[in-house]
Amino acid sequence: MTIQELQQLIEKMYSQKDRERGTAATFLWFTEEIGELASAIREGTHEEREGEFADVLAWLITLANITDIDLTKALHNKYGEGCPGCKKIVCTCQTKS
């Protein structure tokens, strides 16, 4: 499944509820999922980590959907040419980017 396909699937499954909840409340759900991922990384099983990574990605996509961001386009614009700093595929930046 591509990011575009997943973004469309999440939109189809949840768009009405997501838009009614709004950006601020959705962001809180997203941060809660990040906390659950942190716990799974620290002490969870492989299967629990898989589920939490999927949940974090789904909630990130939800935020993109309700703020009208095409993630495929955004990723291509930011990283399609390589590192945003040095513009190389293998980053040679001297500082964190």
PDB file of N, CA and C in Angstrom:
ATOM      1  N   MET A   1       0.852  -1.177   0.000  1.00  0.00           N
ATOM      2  CA  MET A   1       0.000   0.000   0.000  1.00  0.00           C
ATOM      3  C   MET A   1       0.897   1.239   0.000  1.00  0.00           C
ATOM      4  N   THR A   2       0.593   2.167  -0.873  1.00  0.00           N
ATOM      5  CA  THR A   2       1.350   3.425  -0.913  1.00  0.00           C
ATOM      6  C   THR A   2       0.807   4.393   0.131  1.00  0.00           C
ATOM      7  N   ILE A   3       1.554   5.439   0.378  1.00  0.00           N
ATOM      8  CA  ILE A   3       1.076   6.474   1.302  1.00  0.00           C
ATOM      9  C   ILE A   3      -0.199   7.100   0.748  1.00  0.00           C
ATOM     10  N   GLN A   4      -0.241   7.330  -0.542  1.00  0.00           N
ATOM     11  CA  GLN A   4      -1.436   7.909  -1.155  1.00  0.00           C
ATOM     12  C   GLN A   4      -2.645   6.998  -0.965  1.00  0.00           C
ATOM     13  N   GLU A   5      -2.458   5.696  -1.177  1.00  0.00           N
ATOM     14  CA  GLU A   5      -3.565   4.750  -0.993  1.00  0.00           C
ATOM     15  C   GLU A   5      -4.022   4.717   0.467  1.00  0.00           C
ATOM     16  N   LEU A   6      -3.069   4.734   1.394  1.00  0.00           N
ATOM     17  CA  LEU A   6      -3.435   4.740   2.805  1.00  0.00           C
ATOM     18  C   LEU A   6      -4.148   6.031   3.174  1.00  0.00           C
ATOM     19  N   GLN A   7      -3.683   7.158   2.647  1.00  0.00           N
ATOM     20  CA  GLN A   7      -4.332   8.429   2.941  1.00  0.00           C
ATOM     21  C   GLN A   7      -5.772   8.413   2.427  1.00  0.00           C
ATOM     22  N   GLN A   8      -5.993   7.851   1.253  1.00  0.00           N
ATOM     23  CA  GLN A   8      -7.349   7.758   0.711  1.00  0.00           C
ATOM     24  C   GLN A   8      -8.213   6.800   1.534  1.00  0.00           C
ATOM     25  N   LEU A   9      -7.632   5.685   1.984  1.00  0.00           N
ATOM     26  CA  LEU A   9      -8.375   4.720   2.794  1.00  0.00           C
ATOM     27  C   LEU A   9      -8.796   5.331   4.129  1.00  0.00           C
ATOM     28  N   ILE A  10      -7.865   6.010   4.797  1.00  0.00           N
ATOM     29  CA  ILE A  10      -8.183   6.666   6.078  1.00  0.00           C
ATOM     30  C   ILE A  10      -9.261   7.723   5.867  1.00  0.00           C
ATOM     31  N   GLU A  11      -9.163   8.466   4.788  1.00  0.00           N
ATOM     32  CA  GLU A  11     -10.179   9.482   4.468  1.00  0.00           C
ATOM     33  C   GLU A  11     -11.548   8.819   4.310  1.00  0.00           C
ATOM     34  N   LYS A  12     -11.587   7.728   3.578  1.00  0.00           N
ATOM     35  CA  LYS A  12     -12.859   7.030   3.327  1.00  0.00           C
ATOM     36  C   LYS A  12     -13.451   6.466   4.622  1.00  0.00           C
ATOM     37  N   MET A  13     -12.607   5.866   5.452  1.00  0.00           N
ATOM     38  CA  MET A  13     -13.099   5.209   6.670  1.00  0.00           C
ATOM     39  C   MET A  13     -13.515   6.200   7.752  1.00  0.00           C
ATOM     40  N   TYR A  14     -12.757   7.290   7.909  1.00  0.00           N
ATOM     41  CA  TYR A  14     -12.907   8.112   9.118  1.00  0.00           C
ATOM     42  C   TYR A  14     -13.154   9.607   8.888  1.00  0.00           C
ATOM     43  N   SER A  15     -13.236  10.057   7.663  1.00  0.00           N
ATOM     44  CA  SER A  15     -13.218  11.507   7.412  1.00  0.00           C
ATOM     45  C   SER A  15     -14.301  12.285   8.151  1.00  0.00           C
ATOM     46  N   GLN A  16     -15.510  11.783   8.194  1.00  0.00           N
ATOM     47  CA  GLN A  16     -16.578  12.544   8.850  1.00  0.00           C
ATOM     48  C   GLN A  16     -16.265  12.733  10.332  1.00  0.00           C
ATOM     49  N   LYS A  17     -15.936  11.637  11.037  1.00  0.00           N
ATOM     50  CA  LYS A  17     -15.614  11.736  12.465  1.00  0.00           C
ATOM     51  C   LYS A  17     -14.376  12.606  12.693  1.00  0.00           C
ATOM     52  N   ASP A  18     -13.370  12.441  11.839  1.00  0.00           N
ATOM     53  CA  ASP A  18     -12.126  13.189  12.013  1.00  0.00           C
ATOM     54  C   ASP A  18     -12.354  14.692  11.871  1.00  0.00           C
ATOM     55  N   ARG A  19     -13.104  15.083  10.881  1.00  0.00           N
ATOM     56  CA  ARG A  19     -13.363  16.518  10.657  1.00  0.00           C
ATOM     57  C   ARG A  19     -14.239  17.097  11.772  1.00  0.00           C
ATOM     58  N   GLU A  20     -15.187  16.311  12.260  1.00  0.00           N
ATOM     59  CA  GLU A  20     -16.022  16.775  13.374  1.00  0.00           C
ATOM     60  C   GLU A  20     -15.196  16.939  14.650  1.00  0.00           C
ATOM     61  N   ARG A  21     -14.232  16.062  14.880  1.00  0.00           N
ATOM     62  CA  ARG A  21     -13.385  16.128  16.070  1.00  0.00           C
ATOM     63  C   ARG A  21     -12.508  17.374  16.029  1.00  0.00           C
ATOM     64  N   GLY A  22     -12.019  17.724  14.845  1.00  0.00           N
ATOM     65  CA  GLY A  22     -11.200  18.912  14.685  1.00  0.00           C
ATOM     66  C   GLY A  22      -9.709  18.640  14.861  1.00  0.00           C
ATOM     67  N   THR A  23      -8.933  19.604  14.459  1.00  0.00           N
ATOM     68  CA  THR A  23      -7.479  19.460  14.443  1.00  0.00           C
ATOM     69  C   THR A  23      -6.889  19.350  15.840  1.00  0.00           C
ATOM     70  N   ALA A  24      -7.302  20.190  16.755  1.00  0.00           N
ATOM     71  CA  ALA A  24      -6.701  20.190  18.091  1.00  0.00           C
ATOM     72  C   ALA A  24      -6.927  18.857  18.803  1.00  0.00           C
ATOM     73  N   ALA A  25      -8.158  18.362  18.795  1.00  0.00           N
ATOM     74  CA  ALA A  25      -8.452  17.095  19.458  1.00  0.00           C
ATOM     75  C   ALA A  25      -7.765  15.933  18.746  1.00  0.00           C
ATOM     76  N   THR A  26      -7.697  15.990  17.439  1.00  0.00           N
ATOM     77  CA  THR A  26      -7.021  14.940  16.682  1.00  0.00           C
ATOM     78  C   THR A  26      -5.529  14.932  16.995  1.00  0.00           C
ATOM     79  N   PHE A  27      -4.950  16.104  17.143  1.00  0.00           N
ATOM     80  CA  PHE A  27      -3.532  16.182  17.500  1.00  0.00           C
ATOM     81  C   PHE A  27      -3.282  15.544  18.866  1.00  0.00           C
ATOM     82  N   LEU A  28      -4.205  15.736  19.793  1.00  0.00           N
ATOM     83  CA  LEU A  28      -4.069  15.095  21.106  1.00  0.00           C
ATOM     84  C   LEU A  28      -4.108  13.567  20.984  1.00  0.00           C
ATOM     85  N   TRP A  29      -4.992  13.038  20.148  1.00  0.00           N
ATOM     86  CA  TRP A  29      -5.032  11.593  19.913  1.00  0.00           C
ATOM     87  C   TRP A  29      -3.702  11.126  19.327  1.00  0.00           C
ATOM     88  N   PHE A  30      -3.186  11.894  18.378  1.00  0.00           N
ATOM     89  CA  PHE A  30      -1.905  11.559  17.740  1.00  0.00           C
ATOM     90  C   PHE A  30      -0.791  11.488  18.782  1.00  0.00           C
ATOM     91  N   THR A  31      -0.716  12.477  19.668  1.00  0.00           N
ATOM     92  CA  THR A  31       0.346  12.474  20.678  1.00  0.00           C
ATOM     93  C   THR A  31       0.168  11.319  21.662  1.00  0.00           C
ATOM     94  N   GLU A  32      -1.073  10.958  21.953  1.00  0.00           N
ATOM     95  CA  GLU A  32      -1.314   9.796  22.811  1.00  0.00           C
ATOM     96  C   GLU A  32      -0.769   8.528  22.150  1.00  0.00           C
ATOM     97  N   GLU A  33      -0.983   8.413  20.853  1.00  0.00           N
ATOM     98  CA  GLU A  33      -0.466   7.249  20.126  1.00  0.00           C
ATOM     99  C   GLU A  33       1.065   7.235  20.124  1.00  0.00           C
ATOM    100  N   ILE A  34       1.688   8.388  20.059  1.00  0.00           N
ATOM    101  CA  ILE A  34       3.151   8.447  20.126  1.00  0.00           C
ATOM    102  C   ILE A  34       3.622   7.922  21.483  1.00  0.00           C
ATOM    103  N   GLY A  35       2.920   8.277  22.536  1.00  0.00           N
ATOM    104  CA  GLY A  35       3.248   7.759  23.860  1.00  0.00           C
ATOM    105  C   GLY A  35       3.104   6.248  23.927  1.00  0.00           C
ATOM    106  N   GLU A  36       2.060   5.715  23.314  1.00  0.00           N
ATOM    107  CA  GLU A  36       1.879   4.268  23.285  1.00  0.00           C
ATOM    108  C   GLU A  36       2.987   3.594  22.487  1.00  0.00           C
ATOM    109  N   LEU A  37       3.429   4.239  21.407  1.00  0.00           N
ATOM    110  CA  LEU A  37       4.550   3.712  20.630  1.00  0.00           C
ATOM    111  C   LEU A  37       5.824   3.712  21.463  1.00  0.00           C
ATOM    112  N   ALA A  38       6.046   4.773  22.211  1.00  0.00           N
ATOM    113  CA  ALA A  38       7.234   4.839  23.072  1.00  0.00           C
ATOM    114  C   ALA A  38       7.240   3.683  24.069  1.00  0.00           C
ATOM    115  N   SER A  39       6.097   3.402  24.655  1.00  0.00           N
ATOM    116  CA  SER A  39       6.000   2.281  25.596  1.00  0.00           C
ATOM    117  C   SER A  39       6.253   0.949  24.904  1.00  0.00           C
ATOM    118  N   ALA A  40       5.714   0.786  23.714  1.00  0.00           N
ATOM    119  CA  ALA A  40       5.908  -0.463  22.970  1.00  0.00           C
ATOM    120  C   ALA A  40       7.367  -0.649  22.563  1.00  0.00           C
ATOM    121  N   ILE A  41       8.026   0.433  22.192  1.00  0.00           N
ATOM    122  CA  ILE A  41       9.450   0.343  21.849  1.00  0.00           C
ATOM    123  C   ILE A  41      10.255  -0.063  23.077  1.00  0.00           C
ATOM    124  N   ARG A  42       9.912   0.511  24.205  1.00  0.00           N
ATOM    125  CA  ARG A  42      10.651   0.257  25.441  1.00  0.00           C
ATOM    126  C   ARG A  42      10.426  -1.153  25.964  1.00  0.00           C
ATOM    127  N   GLU A  43       9.175  -1.617  25.953  1.00  0.00           N
ATOM    128  CA  GLU A  43       8.913  -2.892  26.627  1.00  0.00           C
ATOM    129  C   GLU A  43       7.915  -3.801  25.928  1.00  0.00           C
ATOM    130  N   GLY A  44       7.507  -3.468  24.717  1.00  0.00           N
ATOM    131  CA  GLY A  44       6.491  -4.270  24.039  1.00  0.00           C
ATOM    132  C   GLY A  44       7.079  -5.375  23.188  1.00  0.00           C
ATOM    133  N   THR A  45       6.182  -6.206  22.709  1.00  0.00           N
ATOM    134  CA  THR A  45       6.564  -7.262  21.777  1.00  0.00           C
ATOM    135  C   THR A  45       6.691  -6.677  20.373  1.00  0.00           C
ATOM    136  N   HIS A  46       7.234  -7.469  19.481  1.00  0.00           N
ATOM    137  CA  HIS A  46       7.346  -7.037  18.086  1.00  0.00           C
ATOM    138  C   HIS A  46       5.958  -6.706  17.517  1.00  0.00           C
ATOM    139  N   GLU A  47       4.992  -7.545  17.810  1.00  0.00           N
ATOM    140  CA  GLU A  47       3.623  -7.336  17.310  1.00  0.00           C
ATOM    141  C   GLU A  47       3.013  -6.055  17.881  1.00  0.00           C
ATOM    142  N   GLU A  48       3.260  -5.771  19.149  1.00  0.00           N
ATOM    143  CA  GLU A  48       2.759  -4.528  19.745  1.00  0.00           C
ATOM    144  C   GLU A  48       3.412  -3.312  19.096  1.00  0.00           C
ATOM    145  N   ARG A  49       4.708  -3.394  18.826  1.00  0.00           N
ATOM    146  CA  ARG A  49       5.382  -2.279  18.145  1.00  0.00           C
ATOM    147  C   ARG A  49       4.813  -2.072  16.752  1.00  0.00           C
ATOM    148  N   GLU A  50       4.580  -3.166  16.029  1.00  0.00           N
ATOM    149  CA  GLU A  50       3.977  -3.050  14.695  1.00  0.00           C
ATOM    150  C   GLU A  50       2.650  -2.307  14.756  1.00  0.00           C
ATOM    151  N   GLY A  51       1.799  -2.709  15.700  1.00  0.00           N
ATOM    152  CA  GLY A  51       0.492  -2.075  15.835  1.00  0.00           C
ATOM    153  C   GLY A  51       0.590  -0.604  16.175  1.00  0.00           C
ATOM    154  N   GLU A  52       1.510  -0.264  17.058  1.00  0.00           N
ATOM    155  CA  GLU A  52       1.650   1.135  17.462  1.00  0.00           C
ATOM    156  C   GLU A  52       2.250   1.992  16.347  1.00  0.00           C
ATOM    157  N   PHE A  53       3.202   1.450  15.589  1.00  0.00           N
ATOM    158  CA  PHE A  53       3.712   2.195  14.429  1.00  0.00           C
ATOM    159  C   PHE A  53       2.578   2.462  13.446  1.00  0.00           C
ATOM    160  N   ALA A  54       1.739   1.451  13.213  1.00  0.00           N
ATOM    161  CA  ALA A  54       0.599   1.621  12.301  1.00  0.00           C
ATOM    162  C   ALA A  54      -0.365   2.680  12.826  1.00  0.00           C
ATOM    163  N   ASP A  55      -0.635   2.666  14.136  1.00  0.00           N
ATOM    164  CA  ASP A  55      -1.542   3.654  14.716  1.00  0.00           C
ATOM    165  C   ASP A  55      -0.988   5.076  14.576  1.00  0.00           C
ATOM    166  N   VAL A  56       0.305   5.249  14.857  1.00  0.00           N
ATOM    167  CA  VAL A  56       0.911   6.585  14.736  1.00  0.00           C
ATOM    168  C   VAL A  56       0.813   7.078  13.298  1.00  0.00           C
ATOM    169  N   LEU A  57       1.113   6.210  12.344  1.00  0.00           N
ATOM    170  CA  LEU A  57       1.023   6.609  10.945  1.00  0.00           C
ATOM    171  C   LEU A  57      -0.414   6.957  10.563  1.00  0.00           C
ATOM    172  N   ALA A  58      -1.380   6.153  11.022  1.00  0.00           N
ATOM    173  CA  ALA A  58      -2.792   6.428  10.706  1.00  0.00           C
ATOM    174  C   ALA A  58      -3.233   7.772  11.271  1.00  0.00           C
ATOM    175  N   TRP A  59      -2.828   8.086  12.502  1.00  0.00           N
ATOM    176  CA  TRP A  59      -3.224   9.368  13.096  1.00  0.00           C
ATOM    177  C   TRP A  59      -2.501  10.543  12.432  1.00  0.00           C
ATOM    178  N   LEU A  60      -1.269  10.352  11.995  1.00  0.00           N
ATOM    179  CA  LEU A  60      -0.564  11.396  11.243  1.00  0.00           C
ATOM    180  C   LEU A  60      -1.289  11.655   9.921  1.00  0.00           C
ATOM    181  N   ILE A  61      -1.701  10.587   9.269  1.00  0.00           N
ATOM    182  CA  ILE A  61      -2.446  10.728   8.018  1.00  0.00           C
ATOM    183  C   ILE A  61      -3.784  11.410   8.271  1.00  0.00           C
ATOM    184  N   THR A  62      -4.432  11.085   9.368  1.00  0.00           N
ATOM    185  CA  THR A  62      -5.680  11.757   9.722  1.00  0.00           C
ATOM    186  C   THR A  62      -5.464  13.264   9.845  1.00  0.00           C
ATOM    187  N   LEU A  63      -4.396  13.660  10.526  1.00  0.00           N
ATOM    188  CA  LEU A  63      -4.098  15.095  10.650  1.00  0.00           C
ATOM    189  C   LEU A  63      -3.863  15.722   9.278  1.00  0.00           C
ATOM    190  N   ALA A  64      -3.153  15.026   8.426  1.00  0.00           N
ATOM    191  CA  ALA A  64      -2.927  15.535   7.071  1.00  0.00           C
ATOM    192  C   ALA A  64      -4.257  15.689   6.335  1.00  0.00           C
ATOM    193  N   ASN A  65      -5.113  14.702   6.452  1.00  0.00           N
ATOM    194  CA  ASN A  65      -6.401  14.767   5.759  1.00  0.00           C
ATOM    195  C   ASN A  65      -7.244  15.953   6.215  1.00  0.00           C
ATOM    196  N   ILE A  66      -7.336  16.153   7.523  1.00  0.00           N
ATOM    197  CA  ILE A  66      -8.227  17.224   7.992  1.00  0.00           C
ATOM    198  C   ILE A  66      -7.617  18.613   7.829  1.00  0.00           C
ATOM    199  N   THR A  67      -6.332  18.667   7.488  1.00  0.00           N
ATOM    200  CA  THR A  67      -5.710  19.963   7.188  1.00  0.00           C
ATOM    201  C   THR A  67      -5.394  20.096   5.699  1.00  0.00           C
ATOM    202  N   ASP A  68      -5.982  19.199   4.907  1.00  0.00           N
ATOM    203  CA  ASP A  68      -5.874  19.227   3.445  1.00  0.00           C
ATOM    204  C   ASP A  68      -4.433  19.184   2.935  1.00  0.00           C
ATOM    205  N   ILE A  69      -3.643  18.281   3.516  1.00  0.00           N
ATOM    206  CA  ILE A  69      -2.267  18.075   3.076  1.00  0.00           C
ATOM    207  C   ILE A  69      -2.189  16.753   2.330  1.00  0.00           C
ATOM    208  N   ASP A  70      -1.686  16.789   1.115  1.00  0.00           N
ATOM    209  CA  ASP A  70      -1.408  15.589   0.340  1.00  0.00           C
ATOM    210  C   ASP A  70      -0.013  15.133   0.755  1.00  0.00           C
ATOM    211  N   LEU A  71       0.064  14.067   1.541  1.00  0.00           N
ATOM    212  CA  LEU A  71       1.352  13.637   2.083  1.00  0.00           C
ATOM    213  C   LEU A  71       2.336  13.199   1.001  1.00  0.00           C
ATOM    214  N   THR A  72       1.858  12.561  -0.045  1.00  0.00           N
ATOM    215  CA  THR A  72       2.757  12.158  -1.125  1.00  0.00           C
ATOM    216  C   THR A  72       3.416  13.382  -1.739  1.00  0.00           C
ATOM    217  N   LYS A  73       2.628  14.404  -2.000  1.00  0.00           N
ATOM    218  CA  LYS A  73       3.168  15.643  -2.564  1.00  0.00           C
ATOM    219  C   LYS A  73       4.116  16.316  -1.573  1.00  0.00           C
ATOM    220  N   ALA A  74       3.712  16.379  -0.313  1.00  0.00           N
ATOM    221  CA  ALA A  74       4.551  17.022   0.701  1.00  0.00           C
ATOM    222  C   ALA A  74       5.897  16.312   0.838  1.00  0.00           C
ATOM    223  N   LEU A  75       5.867  14.981   0.857  1.00  0.00           N
ATOM    224  CA  LEU A  75       7.112  14.219   0.969  1.00  0.00           C
ATOM    225  C   LEU A  75       7.999  14.422  -0.251  1.00  0.00           C
ATOM    226  N   HIS A  76       7.387  14.398  -1.418  1.00  0.00           N
ATOM    227  CA  HIS A  76       8.163  14.625  -2.645  1.00  0.00           C
ATOM    228  C   HIS A  76       8.781  16.028  -2.651  1.00  0.00           C
ATOM    229  N   ASN A  77       7.987  17.024  -2.268  1.00  0.00           N
ATOM    230  CA  ASN A  77       8.495  18.400  -2.257  1.00  0.00           C
ATOM    231  C   ASN A  77       9.648  18.568  -1.274  1.00  0.00           C
ATOM    232  N   LYS A  78       9.569  17.895  -0.130  1.00  0.00           N
ATOM    233  CA  LYS A  78      10.586  18.063   0.918  1.00  0.00           C
ATOM    234  C   LYS A  78      11.803  17.166   0.703  1.00  0.00           C
ATOM    235  N   TYR A  79      11.575  15.895   0.306  1.00  0.00           N
ATOM    236  CA  TYR A  79      12.660  14.918   0.260  1.00  0.00           C
ATOM    237  C   TYR A  79      12.901  14.291  -1.117  1.00  0.00           C
ATOM    238  N   GLY A  80      12.126  14.662  -2.106  1.00  0.00           N
ATOM    239  CA  GLY A  80      12.226  14.049  -3.428  1.00  0.00           C
ATOM    240  C   GLY A  80      13.539  14.266  -4.139  1.00  0.00           C
ATOM    241  N   GLU A  81      14.243  15.309  -3.794  1.00  0.00           N
ATOM    242  CA  GLU A  81      15.529  15.605  -4.428  1.00  0.00           C
ATOM    243  C   GLU A  81      16.698  15.196  -3.541  1.00  0.00           C
ATOM    244  N   GLY A  82      16.401  14.599  -2.392  1.00  0.00           N
ATOM    245  CA  GLY A  82      17.446  14.233  -1.443  1.00  0.00           C
ATOM    246  C   GLY A  82      17.287  15.039  -0.160  1.00  0.00           C
ATOM    247  N   CYS A  83      18.376  15.148   0.571  1.00  0.00           N
ATOM    248  CA  CYS A  83      18.373  15.886   1.841  1.00  0.00           C
ATOM    249  C   CYS A  83      17.923  17.335   1.612  1.00  0.00           C
ATOM    250  N   PRO A  84      16.993  17.822   2.417  1.00  0.00           N
ATOM    251  CA  PRO A  84      16.564  19.212   2.251  1.00  0.00           C
ATOM    252  C   PRO A  84      17.701  20.224   2.464  1.00  0.00           C
ATOM    253  N   GLY A  85      18.721  19.848   3.233  1.00  0.00           N
ATOM    254  CA  GLY A  85      19.836  20.763   3.506  1.00  0.00           C
ATOM    255  C   GLY A  85      20.871  20.793   2.397  1.00  0.00           C
ATOM    256  N   CYS A  86      21.490  19.637   2.136  1.00  0.00           N
ATOM    257  CA  CYS A  86      22.591  19.580   1.171  1.00  0.00           C
ATOM    258  C   CYS A  86      22.148  19.144  -0.215  1.00  0.00           C
ATOM    259  N   LYS A  87      20.911  18.694  -0.350  1.00  0.00           N
ATOM    260  CA  LYS A  87      20.321  18.239  -1.615  1.00  0.00           C
ATOM    261  C   LYS A  87      20.953  16.966  -2.165  1.00  0.00           C
ATOM    262  N   LYS A  88      21.615  16.183  -1.323  1.00  0.00           N
ATOM    263  CA  LYS A  88      22.218  14.927  -1.760  1.00  0.00           C
ATOM    264  C   LYS A  88      21.403  13.755  -1.224  1.00  0.00           C
ATOM    265  N   ILE A  89      21.447  12.635  -1.955  1.00  0.00           N
ATOM    266  CA  ILE A  89      20.722  11.455  -1.525  1.00  0.00           C
ATOM    267  C   ILE A  89      21.315  10.908  -0.226  1.00  0.00           C
ATOM    268  N   VAL A  90      22.625  10.877  -0.112  1.00  0.00           N
ATOM    269  CA  VAL A  90      23.283  10.533   1.138  1.00  0.00           C
ATOM    270  C   VAL A  90      23.725  11.844   1.770  1.00  0.00           C
ATOM    271  N   CYS A  91      23.073  12.218   2.863  1.00  0.00           N
ATOM    272  CA  CYS A  91      23.285  13.514   3.494  1.00  0.00           C
ATOM    273  C   CYS A  91      24.741  13.727   3.890  1.00  0.00           C
ATOM    274  N   THR A  92      25.236  14.918   3.559  1.00  0.00           N
ATOM    275  CA  THR A  92      26.593  15.310   3.965  1.00  0.00           C
ATOM    276  C   THR A  92      26.569  16.552   4.834  1.00  0.00           C
ATOM    277  N   CYS A  93      25.391  16.912   5.343  1.00  0.00           N
ATOM    278  CA  CYS A  93      25.281  18.082   6.211  1.00  0.00           C
ATOM    279  C   CYS A  93      26.125  17.862   7.471  1.00  0.00           C
ATOM    280  N   GLN A  94      26.699  18.923   7.964  1.00  0.00           N
ATOM    281  CA  GLN A  94      27.522  18.832   9.172  1.00  0.00           C
ATOM    282  C   GLN A  94      26.698  18.974  10.439  1.00  0.00           C
ATOM    283  N   THR A  95      25.478  19.463  10.342  1.00  0.00           N
ATOM    284  CA  THR A  95      24.612  19.627  11.491  1.00  0.00           C
ATOM    285  C   THR A  95      23.357  18.806  11.294  1.00  0.00           C
ATOM    286  N   LYS A  96      22.606  18.584  12.368  1.00  0.00           N
ATOM    287  CA  LYS A  96      21.339  17.879  12.268  1.00  0.00           C
ATOM    288  C   LYS A  96      20.375  18.668  11.403  1.00  0.00           C
ATOM    289  N   SER A  97      19.608  17.947  10.561  1.00  0.00           N
ATOM    290  CA  SER A  97      18.577  18.636   9.777  1.00  0.00           C
ATOM    291  C   SER A  97      17.241  18.016  10.010  1.00  0.00           C
TER     292      SER A  97
END
